[in-house]
Amino acid sequence: MYAVGRVQGYFPFTYLFIREDWLDKLELDAPRTTEELLRIAIAFAKQDPDGNGVDDTQGINMSGFAPDVINSMFQNTNWVLEDGEIVRDWERAQAALQFKKALFDADAIDRDYLTDKNGRKAEQDFLKGKIGLYAFAGNAKEIYDAYARLRSNVPEAVIAPIALPASPFGQFSAQFNPPFQLSGVINAKANDPASVIRYIDFMSKEATEATFKYGLEGVHYRMDNGVPVTIDKDKYDKEVSWLGDFRTIGPQYHTTEFEKYKQDLDLNKPFDREVDDLLNEALGLYISPERPYAGFTLDRYMPALPNEIEFIDSNAERAILDIWNRAILGGEAYSAEQAVQDARKAWEDGDGAQVEQWYRDWYKENKDKWVFTEDLYDVRIRSEFGK
């Protein structure tokens, strides 16, 4: 089999939203550091920002995508590049764990968050206007829909994306959409290779991309100052929107899905204009070399571990996650320092050294030919495929 790739372009996937109206109510500024974030989360939980006189607000969600966002603040991605090697990190893990413990100990989060396995309860709490900082992952349409539901439930609610606050390890961003992606495979023994290549060439044309994305001019869209604008959203949804699978092989960077959704907003409507501003701000915040992704590469680009190494790694990580959870709930009786000691022992007892050696060997062999985080911010790539 031969894999076929495509270029999707750059746009966010993970966000941290804050209730700006709560900041205004409590006369607070948006957090710039993790220490400030902790103080604001506690204030959101304790100072009745919704003004209903009931102790029913939370500072931040801790289920769903929140652990990933918090870990990204502290560059706690398990594996980091240090002194020319990929190493298993514990210092950042301890800092992130201490932060989570502080949130729990201060009652700034839902104390039953571990039972919210898929983050649905946190989502509902946010939509009801009960969470001040919300870690979210999804596309532009999902952001629009969630904000519209929040505004319907709480008409005075105003949210804004914020950069992940800086920690002692630097300032980072969480996962964003992988700009390059292997999206299909072709039988290496295809009877007519030339036709296969002609098909790929056709699907890679900008005109093909535009047709599958916008439909037909005059039927599904009109040009407005050089921008395609959907004529009838219902007709577009019925006849064009589902063609995403046909775009799997072709490029997406000329107009990303993120940009396409923004183009369909009606800027004559105040709410649509507000969402457009929000999305533009998020793009600048989360796709920036000043705040790079926290890991040494995106999750989609992580090397595939051999089966025996994957087995060791997954078993050890499950044991370590259990330690982290017990430490968060354990209060002063189970310190972050002790939890890290216990986690390191679980890693060692679980043959984690084999995983570390595999990563060292892999990096030596691939450091000059893999896509690493710094490559994703290369100005030559961004100028060609970015926005």
Protein backbone atom coordinates (compact mmCIF):
# COMPACT_ATOMS: atom_id res chain seq x y z
CA MET A 1 0.00 0.00 0.00
CA TYR A 2 1.05 3.56 -0.68
CA ALA A 3 -0.15 6.34 1.60
CA VAL A 4 -1.48 9.57 0.09
CA GLY A 5 -1.19 12.83 1.97
CA ARG A 6 -2.83 16.23 1.82
CA VAL A 7 -2.21 19.73 3.13
CA GLN A 8 -4.97 21.05 5.39
CA GLY A 9 -3.44 24.34 6.45
CA TYR A 10 -3.26 25.87 9.89
CA PHE A 11 -6.17 26.46 12.24
CA PRO A 12 -6.92 25.86 15.93
CA PHE A 13 -8.49 22.79 17.46
CA THR A 14 -8.14 23.38 21.22
CA TYR A 15 -9.27 26.55 22.99
CA LEU A 16 -9.43 28.08 26.44
CA PHE A 17 -12.45 30.37 26.79
CA ILE A 18 -13.07 32.80 29.63
CA ARG A 19 -16.25 34.55 30.72
CA GLU A 20 -15.37 38.20 30.08
CA ASP A 21 -18.55 39.37 31.78
CA TRP A 22 -17.41 37.59 34.96
CA LEU A 23 -14.02 39.28 34.75
CA ASP A 24 -15.78 42.63 34.46
CA LYS A 25 -18.15 41.81 37.33
CA LEU A 26 -15.24 40.94 39.65
CA GLU A 27 -12.97 43.67 38.24
CA LEU A 28 -10.30 41.18 37.19
CA ASP A 29 -7.95 41.03 34.22
CA ALA A 30 -7.49 37.95 32.05
CA PRO A 31 -4.76 35.69 33.47
CA ARG A 32 -1.29 35.87 31.97
CA THR A 33 0.38 33.30 34.24
CA THR A 34 -0.69 30.03 35.80
CA GLU A 35 -0.60 31.69 39.23
CA GLU A 36 -3.06 34.33 38.02
CA LEU A 37 -5.20 31.62 36.42
CA LEU A 38 -5.44 29.81 39.74
CA ARG A 39 -6.50 32.98 41.55
CA ILE A 40 -9.12 33.80 38.92
CA ALA A 41 -10.51 30.26 38.90
CA ILE A 42 -10.92 30.44 42.67
CA ALA A 43 -12.58 33.86 42.40
CA PHE A 44 -15.00 32.55 39.78
CA ALA A 45 -15.94 29.70 42.12
CA LYS A 46 -16.16 31.71 45.34
CA GLN A 47 -17.28 35.26 44.56
CA ASP A 48 -20.69 34.62 42.99
CA PRO A 49 -19.86 36.04 39.54
CA ASP A 50 -23.33 35.28 38.19
CA GLY A 51 -24.89 37.25 41.05
CA ASN A 52 -27.60 34.75 41.95
CA GLY A 53 -26.58 34.49 45.60
CA VAL A 54 -26.02 30.73 45.30
CA ASP A 55 -22.71 28.87 45.57
CA ASP A 56 -23.11 27.14 42.20
CA THR A 57 -20.27 28.33 39.94
CA GLN A 58 -17.02 26.63 38.98
CA GLY A 59 -13.68 28.19 38.13
CA ILE A 60 -12.70 25.81 35.33
CA ASN A 61 -13.67 22.41 33.98
CA MET A 62 -11.43 19.47 34.87
CA SER A 63 -13.01 16.88 32.59
CA GLY A 64 -13.17 16.78 28.82
CA PHE A 65 -10.16 18.49 27.29
CA ALA A 66 -9.17 20.43 30.40
CA PRO A 67 -6.40 18.03 31.50
CA ASP A 68 -4.74 18.38 28.08
CA VAL A 69 -4.96 22.16 28.24
CA ILE A 70 -3.58 22.35 31.78
CA ASN A 71 -0.80 19.92 30.93
CA SER A 72 0.08 22.03 27.90
CA MET A 73 0.49 25.11 30.11
CA PHE A 74 3.24 23.29 32.00
CA GLN A 75 4.65 21.53 28.91
CA ASN A 76 3.64 18.30 30.61
CA THR A 77 3.55 16.05 27.56
CA ASN A 78 5.52 13.15 29.09
CA TRP A 79 8.32 13.39 26.54
CA VAL A 80 10.52 16.45 26.03
CA LEU A 81 13.66 17.27 24.08
CA GLU A 82 16.59 17.91 26.39
CA ASP A 83 20.30 18.00 25.58
CA GLY A 84 19.76 16.40 22.19
CA GLU A 85 17.63 13.52 23.48
CA ILE A 86 13.97 12.70 24.04
CA VAL A 87 13.53 12.05 27.75
CA ARG A 88 10.67 11.11 30.07
CA ASP A 89 9.99 14.22 32.13
CA TRP A 90 8.85 14.33 35.75
CA GLU A 91 9.48 17.93 36.79
CA ARG A 92 6.73 19.29 34.56
CA ALA A 93 4.41 16.47 35.60
CA GLN A 94 4.82 17.48 39.23
CA ALA A 95 4.11 21.16 38.48
CA ALA A 96 0.95 20.32 36.52
CA LEU A 97 -0.19 17.93 39.24
CA GLN A 98 0.37 20.55 41.94
CA PHE A 99 -1.76 23.01 39.96
CA LYS A 100 -4.60 20.50 39.62
CA LYS A 101 -4.40 19.69 43.32
CA ALA A 102 -4.62 23.40 44.14
CA LEU A 103 -7.77 23.75 42.04
CA PHE A 104 -9.36 20.76 43.76
CA ASP A 105 -8.31 21.79 47.27
CA ALA A 106 -9.76 25.28 46.72
CA ASP A 107 -13.11 23.88 45.51
CA ALA A 108 -12.60 25.75 42.23
CA ILE A 109 -13.72 22.75 40.16
CA ASP A 110 -16.42 20.09 40.14
CA ARG A 111 -15.25 17.71 42.86
CA ASP A 112 -16.91 14.81 41.04
CA TYR A 113 -15.12 15.52 37.77
CA LEU A 114 -13.65 12.01 37.55
CA THR A 115 -17.14 10.60 37.03
CA ASP A 116 -17.60 12.87 34.01
CA LYS A 117 -15.82 10.47 31.67
CA ASN A 118 -16.62 12.19 28.37
CA GLY A 119 -16.86 15.79 29.59
CA ARG A 120 -20.61 16.04 28.90
CA LYS A 121 -21.50 17.26 32.38
CA ALA A 122 -18.86 19.99 32.18
CA GLU A 123 -20.21 20.96 28.77
CA GLN A 124 -23.72 21.28 30.16
CA ASP A 125 -22.45 23.28 33.14
CA PHE A 126 -20.69 25.66 30.75
CA LEU A 127 -23.76 26.02 28.54
CA LYS A 128 -25.85 26.80 31.62
CA GLY A 129 -23.42 29.59 32.48
CA LYS A 130 -21.82 27.96 35.51
CA ILE A 131 -18.15 27.66 34.44
CA GLY A 132 -15.84 30.66 34.13
CA LEU A 133 -12.93 29.09 32.24
CA TYR A 134 -13.74 26.40 29.72
CA ALA A 135 -11.23 24.21 27.92
CA PHE A 136 -12.82 23.19 24.63
CA ALA A 137 -11.86 21.24 21.53
CA GLY A 138 -13.80 21.33 18.28
CA ASN A 139 -14.36 23.09 14.99
CA ALA A 140 -15.64 26.58 14.23
CA LYS A 141 -19.26 25.47 13.82
CA GLU A 142 -19.20 23.72 17.20
CA ILE A 143 -17.90 26.91 18.78
CA TYR A 144 -20.69 28.92 17.16
CA ASP A 145 -23.36 26.46 18.28
CA ALA A 146 -22.04 26.26 21.85
CA TYR A 147 -21.79 30.03 22.19
CA ALA A 148 -25.30 30.46 20.78
CA ARG A 149 -26.69 28.00 23.33
CA LEU A 150 -24.82 29.73 26.15
CA ARG A 151 -26.13 33.12 25.03
CA SER A 152 -29.65 31.69 24.81
CA ASN A 153 -29.40 30.43 28.40
CA VAL A 154 -27.49 33.43 29.75
CA PRO A 155 -28.12 36.49 27.54
CA GLU A 156 -25.44 38.59 29.28
CA ALA A 157 -22.69 35.97 28.83
CA VAL A 158 -19.62 37.05 26.86
CA ILE A 159 -16.75 34.66 26.18
CA ALA A 160 -13.33 35.20 24.67
CA PRO A 161 -10.38 32.93 23.89
CA ILE A 162 -7.23 33.52 25.90
CA ALA A 163 -3.67 32.39 25.35
CA LEU A 164 -2.67 29.58 27.65
CA PRO A 165 -1.06 31.35 30.61
CA ALA A 166 2.70 31.15 31.03
CA SER A 167 4.15 28.68 33.52
CA PRO A 168 7.70 28.43 34.91
CA PHE A 169 8.52 26.32 31.84
CA GLY A 170 7.42 28.89 29.26
CA GLN A 171 4.26 29.75 27.36
CA PHE A 172 2.73 27.20 25.05
CA SER A 173 -0.36 26.24 23.07
CA ALA A 174 -2.36 23.03 23.13
CA GLN A 175 -3.09 20.79 20.14
CA PHE A 176 -3.98 22.42 16.85
CA ASN A 177 -5.15 20.89 13.62
CA PRO A 178 -2.34 18.92 11.92
CA PRO A 179 -1.49 20.95 8.80
CA PHE A 180 -0.24 17.87 6.92
CA GLN A 181 -2.06 14.58 7.02
CA LEU A 182 -1.93 11.12 5.48
CA SER A 183 -5.54 10.69 4.45
CA GLY A 184 -5.72 7.75 2.05
CA VAL A 185 -4.02 4.63 0.75
CA ILE A 186 -3.63 3.10 -2.69
CA ASN A 187 -2.94 -0.50 -3.62
CA ALA A 188 0.69 -0.73 -4.69
CA LYS A 189 -0.36 -3.31 -7.30
CA ALA A 190 -3.08 -1.18 -8.90
CA ASN A 191 -3.78 -2.28 -12.47
CA ASP A 192 -3.58 1.24 -13.90
CA PRO A 193 -1.13 3.40 -11.89
CA ALA A 194 -1.34 6.21 -14.44
CA SER A 195 -5.08 6.57 -13.85
CA VAL A 196 -4.50 6.62 -10.11
CA ILE A 197 -2.08 9.52 -10.50
CA ARG A 198 -4.48 11.35 -12.84
CA TYR A 199 -7.20 10.99 -10.20
CA ILE A 200 -4.90 12.37 -7.50
CA ASP A 201 -3.89 15.23 -9.80
CA PHE A 202 -7.55 16.04 -10.45
CA MET A 203 -8.43 15.95 -6.75
CA SER A 204 -5.43 18.18 -5.99
CA LYS A 205 -6.50 20.99 -8.30
CA GLU A 206 -7.60 24.18 -6.60
CA ALA A 207 -10.71 24.28 -8.82
CA THR A 208 -11.72 20.79 -7.67
CA GLU A 209 -11.16 21.74 -4.05
CA ALA A 210 -13.31 24.85 -4.49
CA THR A 211 -16.18 22.95 -6.16
CA PHE A 212 -16.34 20.26 -3.49
CA LYS A 213 -16.14 22.93 -0.79
CA TYR A 214 -18.44 25.66 -2.16
CA GLY A 215 -20.56 23.92 -4.79
CA LEU A 216 -21.42 25.64 -8.08
CA GLU A 217 -21.26 29.39 -8.55
CA GLY A 218 -24.71 30.86 -9.05
CA VAL A 219 -26.31 27.71 -7.64
CA HIS A 220 -24.76 27.32 -4.21
CA TYR A 221 -22.70 30.48 -3.82
CA ARG A 222 -22.10 33.95 -5.21
CA MET A 223 -18.90 35.97 -5.21
CA ASP A 224 -18.91 38.99 -2.89
CA ASN A 225 -15.74 41.11 -3.05
CA GLY A 226 -13.78 38.07 -4.13
CA VAL A 227 -15.18 35.83 -1.39
CA PRO A 228 -17.62 32.95 -2.06
CA VAL A 229 -20.80 33.46 -0.04
CA THR A 230 -23.38 30.69 0.39
CA ILE A 231 -26.69 31.63 -1.23
CA ASP A 232 -29.02 29.18 0.51
CA LYS A 233 -27.68 27.43 3.60
CA ASP A 234 -30.32 24.69 3.53
CA LYS A 235 -29.55 23.92 -0.12
CA TYR A 236 -25.81 23.97 0.64
CA ASP A 237 -26.25 21.61 3.58
CA LYS A 238 -28.32 19.21 1.49
CA GLU A 239 -26.22 19.19 -1.68
CA VAL A 240 -22.65 20.20 -0.78
CA SER A 241 -21.78 20.06 2.91
CA TRP A 242 -21.58 16.27 2.99
CA LEU A 243 -18.92 16.15 0.26
CA GLY A 244 -16.14 16.20 2.86
CA ASP A 245 -15.21 12.58 2.12
CA PHE A 246 -14.61 13.53 -1.52
CA ARG A 247 -12.09 16.11 -0.34
CA THR A 248 -10.05 13.57 1.60
CA ILE A 249 -7.35 13.27 -1.05
CA GLY A 250 -7.20 16.90 -2.16
CA PRO A 251 -5.62 19.91 -0.44
CA GLN A 252 -7.58 22.09 1.97
CA TYR A 253 -5.20 24.95 2.59
CA HIS A 254 -6.38 27.39 -0.11
CA THR A 255 -9.44 27.91 2.05
CA THR A 256 -9.42 25.87 5.24
CA GLU A 257 -12.58 24.52 6.85
CA PHE A 258 -11.99 27.18 9.51
CA GLU A 259 -11.95 29.98 6.92
CA LYS A 260 -14.90 28.48 5.04
CA TYR A 261 -17.05 28.62 8.13
CA LYS A 262 -16.06 32.22 8.82
CA GLN A 263 -16.97 33.15 5.24
CA ASP A 264 -20.49 31.85 5.82
CA LEU A 265 -21.09 34.08 8.84
CA ASP A 266 -23.45 36.98 8.27
CA LEU A 267 -21.43 39.96 9.48
CA ASN A 268 -24.56 42.11 9.39
CA LYS A 269 -25.72 40.16 12.45
CA PRO A 270 -24.08 41.27 15.72
CA PHE A 271 -23.70 37.73 17.07
CA ASP A 272 -22.11 36.42 13.87
CA ARG A 273 -19.75 39.39 13.87
CA GLU A 274 -18.84 38.64 17.48
CA VAL A 275 -18.08 35.01 16.64
CA ASP A 276 -16.00 36.10 13.65
CA ASP A 277 -13.91 38.33 15.91
CA LEU A 278 -13.57 35.49 18.41
CA LEU A 279 -12.36 33.04 15.76
CA ASN A 280 -9.88 35.53 14.32
CA GLU A 281 -8.49 36.20 17.78
CA ALA A 282 -8.19 32.47 18.49
CA LEU A 283 -6.27 31.89 15.27
CA GLY A 284 -3.66 34.44 16.29
CA LEU A 285 -3.44 33.15 19.85
CA TYR A 286 -3.13 29.43 19.17
CA ILE A 287 -1.10 29.32 15.95
CA SER A 288 1.95 31.33 16.93
CA PRO A 289 5.68 30.60 17.23
CA GLU A 290 5.64 32.81 20.32
CA ARG A 291 3.45 30.19 21.99
CA PRO A 292 4.42 26.92 20.30
CA TYR A 293 2.72 23.60 20.80
CA ALA A 294 3.96 22.12 24.07
CA GLY A 295 5.08 18.72 22.75
CA PHE A 296 8.05 17.88 20.56
CA THR A 297 5.55 17.19 17.78
CA LEU A 298 1.78 17.05 17.38
CA ASP A 299 -0.01 13.93 18.60
CA ARG A 300 -0.83 12.96 15.01
CA TYR A 301 2.89 12.97 14.21
CA MET A 302 4.07 10.96 17.20
CA PRO A 303 6.01 7.86 16.18
CA ALA A 304 4.13 4.57 16.29
CA LEU A 305 5.53 2.36 19.03
CA PRO A 306 6.19 -1.32 18.30
CA ASN A 307 3.56 -3.57 19.85
CA GLU A 308 5.71 -4.77 22.71
CA ILE A 309 6.81 -1.23 23.58
CA GLU A 310 3.25 0.08 23.27
CA PHE A 311 2.11 -2.63 25.70
CA ILE A 312 4.70 -1.60 28.29
CA ASP A 313 3.97 2.10 27.82
CA SER A 314 0.18 1.86 28.03
CA ASN A 315 0.24 -0.35 31.14
CA ALA A 316 2.66 1.95 32.94
CA GLU A 317 0.73 5.07 31.95
CA ARG A 318 -2.52 3.61 33.29
CA ALA A 319 -0.85 3.00 36.64
CA ILE A 320 0.60 6.51 36.65
CA LEU A 321 -2.75 8.12 35.77
CA ASP A 322 -4.30 6.35 38.74
CA ILE A 323 -1.58 7.83 40.97
CA TRP A 324 -2.21 11.34 39.60
CA ASN A 325 -5.95 11.00 40.25
CA ARG A 326 -5.45 9.75 43.79
CA ALA A 327 -3.05 12.60 44.49
CA ILE A 328 -5.48 15.26 43.22
CA LEU A 329 -8.21 13.92 45.50
CA GLY A 330 -5.83 13.18 48.36
CA GLY A 331 -5.30 16.69 49.70
CA GLU A 332 -2.39 17.24 52.07
CA ALA A 333 -2.24 13.52 52.82
CA TYR A 334 -0.87 12.80 49.35
CA SER A 335 1.55 15.45 48.12
CA ALA A 336 2.55 16.02 44.51
CA GLU A 337 6.13 15.20 45.47
CA GLN A 338 5.14 11.82 46.88
CA ALA A 339 2.92 11.10 43.89
CA VAL A 340 5.81 11.72 41.50
CA GLN A 341 8.02 9.38 43.51
CA ASP A 342 5.31 6.73 43.33
CA ALA A 343 4.81 7.34 39.61
CA ARG A 344 8.52 7.00 38.89
CA LYS A 345 8.60 3.71 40.76
CA ALA A 346 5.55 2.48 38.81
CA TRP A 347 7.33 3.47 35.60
CA GLU A 348 10.52 1.68 36.58
CA ASP A 349 8.69 -1.43 37.83
CA GLY A 350 6.72 -1.49 34.58
CA ASP A 351 9.91 -1.60 32.45
CA GLY A 352 9.58 2.02 31.40
CA ALA A 353 13.32 2.07 30.75
CA GLN A 354 12.65 0.06 27.59
CA VAL A 355 10.31 2.78 26.33
CA GLU A 356 12.87 5.47 27.12
CA GLN A 357 15.56 3.57 25.22
CA TRP A 358 13.25 3.13 22.24
CA TYR A 359 12.61 6.89 22.08
CA ARG A 360 16.34 7.63 22.36
CA ASP A 361 17.13 5.27 19.50
CA TRP A 362 14.23 6.53 17.41
CA TYR A 363 15.28 10.16 17.81
CA LYS A 364 18.87 9.44 16.79
CA GLU A 365 17.62 7.83 13.60
CA ASN A 366 14.89 10.37 12.76
CA LYS A 367 15.93 13.76 14.14
CA ASP A 368 16.87 15.03 10.68
CA LYS A 369 13.86 13.69 8.77
CA TRP A 370 10.82 13.90 11.08
CA VAL A 371 8.33 16.74 11.47
CA PHE A 372 8.99 18.34 14.84
CA THR A 373 7.23 21.26 16.49
CA GLU A 374 9.81 23.81 15.38
CA ASP A 375 9.29 22.72 11.77
CA LEU A 376 5.58 23.53 11.99
CA TYR A 377 6.42 27.18 12.60
CA ASP A 378 8.99 27.41 9.80
CA VAL A 379 8.24 30.67 8.02
CA ARG A 380 8.68 29.03 4.62
CA ILE A 381 5.98 26.48 5.36
CA ARG A 382 3.64 28.98 7.01
CA SER A 383 3.94 31.43 4.10
CA GLU A 384 3.04 28.69 1.61
CA PHE A 385 0.33 26.82 3.50
CA GLY A 386 -0.67 29.05 6.42
CA LYS A 387 -3.05 31.92 6.83
